[in-house]
C-alpha cells in the first residue's frame, strides 16, 4: 500500500489562536458544549481523519481572564462522542503523575469497549506547580522522577489490560460458566512506585490496549516515547527542526528494539486558511490584533520562569534566562520558545504574536493549495507521518481544512477517501498488541 498521511484533529474550544474566542463568529462557551464537540468530531469524521484529541491537566488551563479555561473531563466527553460518531478515533490526555494505574487502565479499557475499539491515551507526566498543589504537594515532582513513575505506570497498565485473555469469556449458558477462571489472572506487580495485584475488572478490549500517544520532546520524553509510544505529537516550528526530531526519534525507536514504522510522528500545524493569500493574511492580522498583551506576558513569564516585569514588549528576551537543566516543567517547550526568539531576534511583542497562534507549533497562513503543498513537503521529506491539525479558529478552521485542503491531498493520493478499518489502530496502520502475560507463560 502507498504510504498515506494521518490526521488528528486537536479539539480546543474556539480554536488554537489565543484570541479566537473574541471573533464575532466564536461561541465563547464552546469549551463546555457537547453539541460543539459533536459537530467538530463529525466534520473530522466526514473528512476521514484518523482521530480527534483532547488535551487536559489537573489544573486550570490558563488564566480565566485570558480565554476560555474550563475543560470537561476528556474520557467522559469522548464517551459521549463515541455515541454520535462511529468511525473516528478518540484520544484523551491523562496524567501518570496524578492518577493510579488501576483506575486509569479501567477508564481507557471502558472507553475502548464503548467505542468499539477507538480509544487512545495521550500520556503526560504533567508539569507545573499548580497541579502539584491540587494534590497536596508543595512542589511538582522532579522531571526525571516523573518519567520514572510514568515508565512503571505503563508497565502496570499494560499488564492490567493483558490480565484477561482474549478467549476468557465463553458465556456458556449450558454449563453455567461465563468466563474461564484461569484465563483471568492477577499481575502481582511490586515496584518502586506501585503495588498492584490485579486482575483488571474490565475484560480485554477490542484493541487490547488503547493507542498509546506521547507528546514530550525533552530527552527523557523522547526516550519514553521510543519505549512506549505508538503515535507522537510534537511541536516543531520549522521543516529542518521537524526533520531532525523525526530522524532522532526513529533512531531511538530502533535502539529500543522496535520497528520505526510502528511509531507515527505527527507535528502540530496551525493553518489559517483563506481562498486568497490576502484573505488569509487579513484573518491572521485580525487575530493578532485581538491578543491581550497583559495576559500573554503573564503566560510567557510563567513558561520562562521569570518575573513578568522583566519582559519588555518592544525588546528581545532577557539575556540571562535559566538553562533548560534548571527547568522542571515543559523543558522542550521552554527551549523551543527561547531558541525561536533568539534565532529570529524577535521582540517580546513579536514572540507573543507568534506564540498566540500555536504556542510553538508550526503556523501557516495561506491558500488551501499552499497548505496542502506544505503538508506534502513535510510528509515526503522525512519530517512527518501526518499532522496534528490545530485550526486557529473553530469551527470554521476545520470546516475549511476538511472541505478545501483534504480534497487536494486526496486527489494527490496522499490521504484516504474512505476508512478501511474500524479501530483506531487500524486507522494508523498499527497492530493489535499480543498478550504479554500469555507470552510469558508459554
Protein backbone atom coordinates (compact mmCIF):
# COMPACT_ATOMS: atom_id res chain seq x y z
CA UNK A 1 0.00 0.00 0.00
CA UNK A 2 1.22 3.50 -0.82
CA UNK A 3 2.22 5.43 2.28
CA UNK A 4 -0.52 7.90 3.24
CA UNK A 5 -0.91 10.79 5.65
CA UNK A 6 -2.50 10.53 9.08
CA UNK A 7 -4.53 13.41 10.51
CA UNK A 8 -5.56 14.06 14.08
CA UNK A 9 -7.84 16.99 14.99
CA UNK A 10 -6.79 18.73 18.20
CA UNK A 11 -10.09 19.93 19.72
CA UNK A 12 -9.60 23.20 21.57
CA UNK A 13 -12.76 25.21 22.38
CA UNK A 14 -12.90 28.16 19.92
CA UNK A 15 -9.56 27.43 18.25
CA UNK A 16 -5.86 27.39 18.97
CA UNK A 17 -5.24 31.06 18.44
CA UNK A 18 -5.12 32.96 21.70
CA UNK A 19 -7.73 35.46 20.52
CA UNK A 20 -10.06 33.14 18.58
CA UNK A 21 -12.82 33.43 21.21
CA UNK A 22 -13.08 37.19 20.57
CA UNK A 23 -14.12 36.84 16.91
CA UNK A 24 -17.82 37.56 16.19
CA UNK A 25 -18.32 34.01 14.87
CA UNK A 26 -16.98 32.29 18.00
CA UNK A 27 -19.06 30.72 20.75
CA UNK A 28 -17.21 31.67 23.97
CA UNK A 29 -18.92 28.77 25.76
CA UNK A 30 -17.88 26.08 23.27
CA UNK A 31 -15.43 24.56 25.78
CA UNK A 32 -18.40 23.29 27.83
CA UNK A 33 -20.72 22.38 24.95
CA UNK A 34 -21.31 18.76 23.95
CA UNK A 35 -23.01 19.91 20.74
CA UNK A 36 -19.96 21.97 19.74
CA UNK A 37 -17.63 19.00 20.23
CA UNK A 38 -20.02 16.66 18.42
CA UNK A 39 -20.04 18.98 15.41
CA UNK A 40 -16.23 19.22 15.28
CA UNK A 41 -15.83 15.44 15.54
CA UNK A 42 -18.40 14.91 12.78
CA UNK A 43 -16.61 17.31 10.44
CA UNK A 44 -13.35 15.45 11.05
CA UNK A 45 -15.00 12.05 10.64
CA UNK A 46 -16.67 13.09 7.38
CA UNK A 47 -13.20 14.11 6.16
CA UNK A 48 -11.87 10.65 7.20
CA UNK A 49 -9.48 11.89 9.90
CA UNK A 50 -7.81 9.18 11.96
CA UNK A 51 -8.73 10.71 15.30
CA UNK A 52 -9.70 13.64 17.48
CA UNK A 53 -7.76 14.60 20.58
CA UNK A 54 -8.41 16.44 23.85
CA UNK A 55 -5.61 17.98 25.89
CA UNK A 56 -6.06 18.03 29.66
CA UNK A 57 -4.45 18.62 33.03
CA UNK A 58 -5.48 18.67 36.71
CA UNK A 59 -5.33 22.47 36.99
CA UNK A 60 -6.75 25.49 35.19
CA UNK A 61 -5.51 25.51 31.61
CA UNK A 62 -4.89 29.23 31.65
CA UNK A 63 -5.70 32.45 33.47
CA UNK A 64 -9.54 32.65 33.34
CA UNK A 65 -9.41 36.27 32.25
CA UNK A 66 -7.37 35.37 29.19
CA UNK A 67 -9.52 32.86 27.29
CA UNK A 68 -11.97 30.01 27.98
CA UNK A 69 -10.14 27.99 30.62
CA UNK A 70 -12.62 25.38 31.89
CA UNK A 71 -12.33 21.86 30.49
CA UNK A 72 -14.66 18.88 30.60
CA UNK A 73 -13.04 15.64 31.72
CA UNK A 74 -11.86 14.11 28.42
CA UNK A 75 -12.76 10.43 28.81
CA UNK A 76 -16.30 11.42 29.84
CA UNK A 77 -16.62 13.74 26.83
CA UNK A 78 -15.17 11.18 24.43
CA UNK A 79 -17.59 8.52 25.69
CA UNK A 80 -20.39 10.88 24.65
CA UNK A 81 -18.74 11.43 21.25
CA UNK A 82 -18.47 7.67 20.78
CA UNK A 83 -22.25 7.54 20.57
CA UNK A 84 -22.61 10.19 17.87
CA UNK A 85 -19.52 9.32 15.80
CA UNK A 86 -18.92 5.75 14.71
CA UNK A 87 -15.50 5.65 12.99
CA UNK A 88 -13.13 8.34 14.16
CA UNK A 89 -10.58 7.62 16.89
CA UNK A 90 -10.96 9.24 20.33
CA UNK A 91 -7.77 10.26 22.16
CA UNK A 92 -7.84 11.61 25.72
CA UNK A 93 -4.99 13.05 27.77
CA UNK A 94 -4.37 11.65 31.25
CA UNK A 95 -1.51 12.14 33.68
CA UNK A 96 0.72 9.43 35.10
CA UNK A 97 1.74 11.78 37.93
CA UNK A 98 -1.76 12.39 39.31
CA UNK A 99 -3.57 9.12 38.64
CA UNK A 100 -3.14 5.49 39.68
CA UNK A 101 -2.64 2.75 37.07
CA UNK A 102 -5.65 0.62 38.05
CA UNK A 103 -8.30 3.33 37.76
CA UNK A 104 -6.81 4.79 34.58
CA UNK A 105 -6.38 1.40 32.90
CA UNK A 106 -10.02 0.67 33.71
CA UNK A 107 -11.19 4.03 32.35
CA UNK A 108 -9.44 3.58 28.99
CA UNK A 109 -10.46 -0.08 28.65
CA UNK A 110 -14.05 1.04 29.26
CA UNK A 111 -13.78 3.75 26.59
CA UNK A 112 -12.34 1.23 24.15
CA UNK A 113 -15.26 -1.13 24.74
CA UNK A 114 -17.87 1.63 24.48
CA UNK A 115 -16.39 2.98 21.24
CA UNK A 116 -15.81 -0.37 19.56
CA UNK A 117 -12.03 -0.05 19.62
CA UNK A 118 -11.39 3.65 19.01
CA UNK A 119 -9.74 4.78 22.27
CA UNK A 120 -6.32 6.37 22.58
CA UNK A 121 -4.38 7.65 25.60
CA UNK A 122 -2.15 10.72 25.34
CA UNK A 123 0.31 10.02 28.15
CA UNK A 124 1.58 13.08 30.03
CA UNK A 125 3.68 13.46 33.17
CA UNK A 126 2.16 16.91 33.95
CA UNK A 127 4.41 19.86 34.60
CA UNK A 128 3.50 22.77 36.83
CA UNK A 129 3.26 23.68 40.47
CA UNK A 130 -0.48 24.45 40.24
CA UNK A 131 -1.26 20.81 39.50
CA UNK A 132 1.02 19.64 42.31
CA UNK A 133 -0.76 21.87 44.83
CA UNK A 134 -4.11 20.40 43.80
CA UNK A 135 -2.83 17.06 45.07
CA UNK A 136 -1.41 18.25 48.36
CA UNK A 137 2.18 18.76 47.17
CA UNK A 138 4.20 21.91 47.74
CA UNK A 139 6.31 21.45 44.60
CA UNK A 140 5.97 19.47 41.41
CA UNK A 141 7.91 16.17 41.33
CA UNK A 142 11.28 16.37 39.59
CA UNK A 143 11.27 15.94 35.80
CA UNK A 144 13.30 12.71 35.92
CA UNK A 145 11.21 11.15 38.68
CA UNK A 146 8.01 11.97 36.78
CA UNK A 147 9.29 9.95 33.83
CA UNK A 148 10.48 7.10 36.06
CA UNK A 149 6.98 6.91 37.56
CA UNK A 150 5.45 7.10 34.07
CA UNK A 151 7.58 4.19 32.89
CA UNK A 152 6.41 1.96 35.74
CA UNK A 153 2.84 3.26 35.31
CA UNK A 154 2.80 1.99 31.70
CA UNK A 155 4.27 -1.32 32.78
CA UNK A 156 1.40 -1.80 35.25
CA UNK A 157 -1.32 -0.54 32.89
CA UNK A 158 -0.30 -2.84 30.05
CA UNK A 159 -0.17 -5.83 32.40
CA UNK A 160 -3.67 -4.99 33.62
CA UNK A 161 -5.02 -4.78 30.05
CA UNK A 162 -3.50 -8.22 29.48
CA UNK A 163 -4.85 -9.76 32.69
CA UNK A 164 -7.74 -11.23 30.70
CA UNK A 165 -7.05 -13.42 27.68
CA UNK A 166 -9.00 -12.73 24.51
CA UNK A 167 -10.86 -16.03 24.91
CA UNK A 168 -11.54 -15.74 28.65
CA UNK A 169 -15.29 -15.14 28.23
CA UNK A 170 -17.14 -18.14 26.86
CA UNK A 171 -20.65 -17.29 28.17
CA UNK A 172 -21.67 -20.95 28.14
CA UNK A 173 -25.26 -21.00 29.41
CA UNK A 174 -25.46 -24.79 29.38
CA UNK A 175 -22.51 -25.28 31.73
CA UNK A 176 -23.13 -22.11 33.68
CA UNK A 177 -19.61 -20.83 33.03
CA UNK A 178 -19.32 -17.22 31.91
CA UNK A 179 -15.51 -16.87 31.95
CA UNK A 180 -12.79 -19.50 32.28
CA UNK A 181 -11.24 -18.63 35.63
CA UNK A 182 -7.60 -19.43 34.83
CA UNK A 183 -7.79 -17.08 31.84
CA UNK A 184 -8.30 -14.14 34.22
CA UNK A 185 -5.05 -13.64 36.10
CA UNK A 186 -3.53 -11.48 38.81
CA UNK A 187 -0.49 -9.46 37.76
CA UNK A 188 1.20 -9.28 41.19
CA UNK A 189 3.16 -6.13 40.41
CA UNK A 190 5.53 -4.81 43.09
CA UNK A 191 7.70 -1.90 42.07
CA UNK A 192 9.19 1.40 43.19
CA UNK A 193 6.02 3.44 42.81
CA UNK A 194 3.18 0.88 42.65
CA UNK A 195 1.98 -2.36 44.21
CA UNK A 196 -0.94 -3.71 42.18
CA UNK A 197 -2.39 -7.21 42.49
CA UNK A 198 -4.95 -7.24 39.66
CA UNK A 199 -6.60 -8.51 37.59
CA UNK A 200 -8.39 -5.59 35.96
CA UNK A 201 -12.16 -5.65 36.41
CA UNK A 202 -12.73 -4.96 32.68
CA UNK A 203 -12.07 -7.75 30.13
CA UNK A 204 -9.55 -7.26 27.33
CA UNK A 205 -10.89 -4.58 25.00
CA UNK A 206 -11.30 -4.58 21.19
CA UNK A 207 -7.86 -3.02 20.62
CA UNK A 208 -6.30 -4.96 23.56
CA UNK A 209 -4.58 -1.71 24.57
CA UNK A 210 -5.73 1.80 23.68
CA UNK A 211 -3.45 3.52 21.18
CA UNK A 212 -0.56 4.97 23.21
CA UNK A 213 0.28 8.58 22.35
CA UNK A 214 3.01 10.82 23.80
CA UNK A 215 3.90 14.48 23.35
CA UNK A 216 7.04 15.29 25.38
CA UNK A 217 10.12 16.29 23.37
CA UNK A 218 12.73 16.55 26.14
CA UNK A 219 15.49 13.93 26.23
CA UNK A 220 13.57 11.95 28.85
CA UNK A 221 10.37 12.43 26.85
CA UNK A 222 11.90 11.11 23.63
CA UNK A 223 13.37 8.07 25.40
CA UNK A 224 9.97 7.37 26.94
CA UNK A 225 8.31 7.71 23.52
CA UNK A 226 10.81 5.29 21.98
CA UNK A 227 9.87 2.66 24.58
CA UNK A 228 6.10 3.12 24.71
CA UNK A 229 4.51 5.50 22.19
CA UNK A 230 2.72 4.44 19.03
CA UNK A 231 1.91 7.99 17.95
CA UNK A 232 3.83 11.12 18.90
CA UNK A 233 2.54 14.70 18.91
CA UNK A 234 5.34 17.24 18.64
CA UNK A 235 5.84 21.00 18.28
CA UNK A 236 8.48 21.98 15.71
CA UNK A 237 8.23 25.44 14.07
CA UNK A 238 10.42 24.74 11.00
CA UNK A 239 10.95 21.99 8.42
CA UNK A 240 14.57 21.48 9.48
CA UNK A 241 13.64 21.08 13.15
CA UNK A 242 10.87 18.65 12.22
CA UNK A 243 13.30 16.58 10.13
CA UNK A 244 15.83 16.49 12.96
CA UNK A 245 13.20 15.43 15.52
CA UNK A 246 11.78 12.80 13.16
CA UNK A 247 15.18 11.22 12.46
CA UNK A 248 16.22 11.34 16.12
CA UNK A 249 13.05 9.71 17.41
CA UNK A 250 13.03 6.98 14.76
CA UNK A 251 16.65 6.15 15.73
CA UNK A 252 15.66 5.91 19.38
CA UNK A 253 12.76 3.61 18.48
CA UNK A 254 15.16 1.24 16.70
CA UNK A 255 17.58 1.38 19.65
CA UNK A 256 14.66 0.40 21.91
CA UNK A 257 14.15 -2.74 19.80
CA UNK A 258 11.04 -1.61 17.97
CA UNK A 259 10.18 -1.10 14.31
CA UNK A 260 10.37 2.58 13.28
CA UNK A 261 7.22 2.40 11.14
CA UNK A 262 5.26 1.36 14.24
CA UNK A 263 5.59 4.89 15.68
CA UNK A 264 3.61 7.59 13.84
CA UNK A 265 5.06 11.10 14.21
CA UNK A 266 2.57 13.98 13.93
CA UNK A 267 3.89 17.55 14.20
CA UNK A 268 1.33 20.20 15.06
CA UNK A 269 0.32 22.66 12.35
CA UNK A 270 -1.90 25.71 12.87
CA UNK A 271 -3.44 26.56 9.48
CA UNK A 272 -5.01 29.97 8.84
CA UNK A 273 -6.85 29.42 5.57
CA UNK A 274 -8.18 31.91 3.03
CA UNK A 275 -9.32 31.49 -0.55
CA UNK A 276 -6.58 34.01 -1.39
CA UNK A 277 -3.34 34.88 0.39
CA UNK A 278 -4.71 38.35 1.12
CA UNK A 279 -7.83 36.88 2.77
CA UNK A 280 -5.72 34.52 4.92
CA UNK A 281 -3.37 37.33 5.98
CA UNK A 282 -6.32 39.55 6.85
CA UNK A 283 -7.69 36.90 9.25
CA UNK A 284 -4.23 36.37 10.74
CA UNK A 285 -3.78 40.12 11.30
CA UNK A 286 -7.20 40.39 12.94
CA UNK A 287 -6.38 37.58 15.35
CA UNK A 288 -3.03 39.11 16.27
CA UNK A 289 -4.70 42.48 16.86
CA UNK A 290 -7.06 40.86 19.38
CA UNK A 291 -4.30 39.38 21.57
CA UNK A 292 -4.36 40.94 25.05
CA UNK A 293 -0.66 41.67 25.82
CA UNK A 294 -1.07 41.69 29.60
CA UNK A 295 -2.38 38.10 29.62
CA UNK A 296 0.17 36.94 27.06
CA UNK A 297 3.04 38.43 29.08
CA UNK A 298 1.88 36.63 32.21
CA UNK A 299 1.69 33.32 30.35
CA UNK A 300 5.12 33.76 28.76
CA UNK A 301 6.74 34.71 32.06
CA UNK A 302 5.33 31.54 33.65
CA UNK A 303 6.90 29.37 30.94
CA UNK A 304 10.22 31.23 31.16
CA UNK A 305 10.19 31.16 34.99
CA UNK A 306 10.93 34.88 35.35
CA UNK A 307 9.16 37.94 36.74
CA UNK A 308 6.76 39.36 34.10
CA UNK A 309 8.14 42.84 34.76
CA UNK A 310 11.40 41.73 33.15
CA UNK A 311 9.65 41.21 29.79
CA UNK A 312 9.55 44.44 27.75
CA UNK A 313 7.19 44.28 24.78
CA UNK A 314 9.50 46.06 22.33
CA UNK A 315 12.75 44.48 23.46
CA UNK A 316 14.25 41.00 22.90
CA UNK A 317 14.07 38.29 25.56
CA UNK A 318 16.39 38.91 28.54
CA UNK A 319 19.89 37.53 28.02
CA UNK A 320 20.13 35.77 31.40
CA UNK A 321 17.28 33.27 31.17
CA UNK A 322 17.62 29.94 33.02
CA UNK A 323 19.25 26.95 31.29
CA UNK A 324 16.96 24.08 30.31
CA UNK A 325 18.52 21.95 33.06
CA UNK A 326 17.08 24.36 35.62
CA UNK A 327 13.53 23.93 34.29
CA UNK A 328 11.45 21.19 35.91
CA UNK A 329 8.34 21.65 33.77
CA UNK A 330 7.80 21.75 29.98
CA UNK A 331 11.54 21.58 29.25
CA UNK A 332 11.22 21.09 25.50
CA UNK A 333 8.64 23.86 25.07
CA UNK A 334 10.82 26.24 27.10
CA UNK A 335 13.82 25.56 24.85
CA UNK A 336 11.73 25.87 21.68
CA UNK A 337 10.43 29.31 22.68
CA UNK A 338 13.79 30.68 23.81
CA UNK A 339 15.62 29.39 20.72
CA UNK A 340 12.89 30.74 18.44
CA UNK A 341 13.02 34.20 19.97
CA UNK A 342 16.80 34.40 19.81
CA UNK A 343 17.25 32.79 16.39
CA UNK A 344 14.92 35.32 14.74
CA UNK A 345 15.88 38.18 17.07
CA UNK A 346 12.23 38.71 17.97
CA UNK A 347 10.95 41.31 20.35
CA UNK A 348 8.71 40.04 23.12
CA UNK A 349 5.73 41.55 21.27
CA UNK A 350 6.65 39.65 18.08
CA UNK A 351 7.22 36.43 20.00
CA UNK A 352 3.85 36.78 21.71
CA UNK A 353 2.23 37.23 18.30
CA UNK A 354 3.83 34.02 17.00
CA UNK A 355 3.04 32.05 20.15
CA UNK A 356 -0.53 33.33 20.17
CA UNK A 357 -1.22 31.34 17.04
CA UNK A 358 0.07 27.96 18.13
CA UNK A 359 2.20 28.01 21.30
CA UNK A 360 5.31 26.97 19.35
CA UNK A 361 3.68 24.75 16.72
CA UNK A 362 4.17 25.48 13.04
CA UNK A 363 1.73 28.17 11.93
CA UNK A 364 0.94 28.63 8.25
CA UNK A 365 -1.16 31.33 6.66
CA UNK A 366 -2.19 30.76 3.06
CA UNK A 367 -4.50 29.23 0.49
CA UNK A 368 -5.67 25.60 0.53
CA UNK A 369 -3.16 24.70 -2.18
CA UNK A 370 -0.29 26.33 -0.31
CA UNK A 371 -1.20 24.49 2.89
CA UNK A 372 -1.50 21.18 1.01
CA UNK A 373 1.92 21.83 -0.57
CA UNK A 374 3.49 22.44 2.87
CA UNK A 375 1.97 19.24 4.28
CA UNK A 376 3.21 17.25 1.28
CA UNK A 377 6.69 18.75 1.60
CA UNK A 378 6.97 17.64 5.23
CA UNK A 379 5.50 14.21 4.52
CA UNK A 380 7.79 13.43 1.59
CA UNK A 381 10.98 14.81 3.12
CA UNK A 382 11.42 12.92 6.37
CA UNK A 383 9.64 15.36 8.68
CA UNK A 384 6.22 13.80 9.40
CA UNK A 385 3.98 10.76 9.03
CA UNK A 386 0.98 13.07 9.24
CA UNK A 387 -0.14 16.08 11.24
CA UNK A 388 -1.86 17.14 14.41
CA UNK A 389 -4.26 19.67 12.86
CA UNK A 390 -4.77 22.66 15.18
CA UNK A 391 -7.11 25.17 13.49
CA UNK A 392 -6.57 28.75 14.61
CA UNK A 393 -10.34 29.27 14.75
CA UNK A 394 -13.08 26.70 15.36
CA UNK A 395 -15.33 25.55 13.87
CA UNK A 396 -14.56 27.50 10.66
CA UNK A 397 -10.91 26.42 10.54
CA UNK A 398 -11.60 22.68 10.49
CA UNK A 399 -14.53 23.16 8.12
CA UNK A 400 -12.22 24.97 5.68
CA UNK A 401 -9.46 22.39 6.09
CA UNK A 402 -11.86 19.46 5.63
CA UNK A 403 -13.62 20.85 2.54
CA UNK A 404 -10.73 22.68 0.84
CA UNK A 405 -7.40 21.12 1.84
CA UNK A 406 -8.29 17.44 2.32
CA UNK A 407 -9.73 17.03 -1.23
CA UNK A 408 -6.46 18.32 -2.71
CA UNK A 409 -4.47 15.75 -0.74
CA UNK A 410 -6.93 13.01 -1.70
CA UNK A 411 -6.57 13.92 -5.38
CA UNK A 412 -2.80 13.61 -4.98
CA UNK A 413 -3.23 10.12 -3.49
CA UNK A 414 -1.79 11.23 -0.13
CA UNK A 415 -4.86 10.75 2.07
CA UNK A 416 -7.63 8.17 2.30
CA UNK A 417 -11.01 8.72 0.70
CA UNK A 418 -12.69 6.06 2.88
CA UNK A 419 -11.94 4.30 6.13
CA UNK A 420 -10.57 0.80 5.58
CA UNK A 421 -10.73 -0.33 9.21
CA UNK A 422 -12.94 0.16 12.24
CA UNK A 423 -10.44 0.63 15.10
CA UNK A 424 -8.06 3.49 15.83
CA UNK A 425 -5.09 1.14 15.47
CA UNK A 426 -6.32 0.16 12.02
CA UNK A 427 -6.61 3.82 11.02
CA UNK A 428 -2.96 4.36 11.99
CA UNK A 429 -1.83 1.07 10.43
CA UNK A 430 -0.68 -0.34 13.77
CA UNK A 431 -1.00 -3.93 15.02
CA UNK A 432 -3.12 -5.17 17.90
CA UNK A 433 -0.72 -5.95 20.80
CA UNK A 434 -0.08 -9.56 21.72
CA UNK A 435 -0.94 -10.53 25.30
CA UNK A 436 2.37 -10.24 27.18
CA UNK A 437 1.21 -12.41 30.10
CA UNK A 438 0.34 -15.22 27.67
CA UNK A 439 3.75 -14.91 26.03
CA UNK A 440 5.49 -15.11 29.42
CA UNK A 441 3.55 -18.25 30.40
CA UNK A 442 4.31 -20.07 27.15
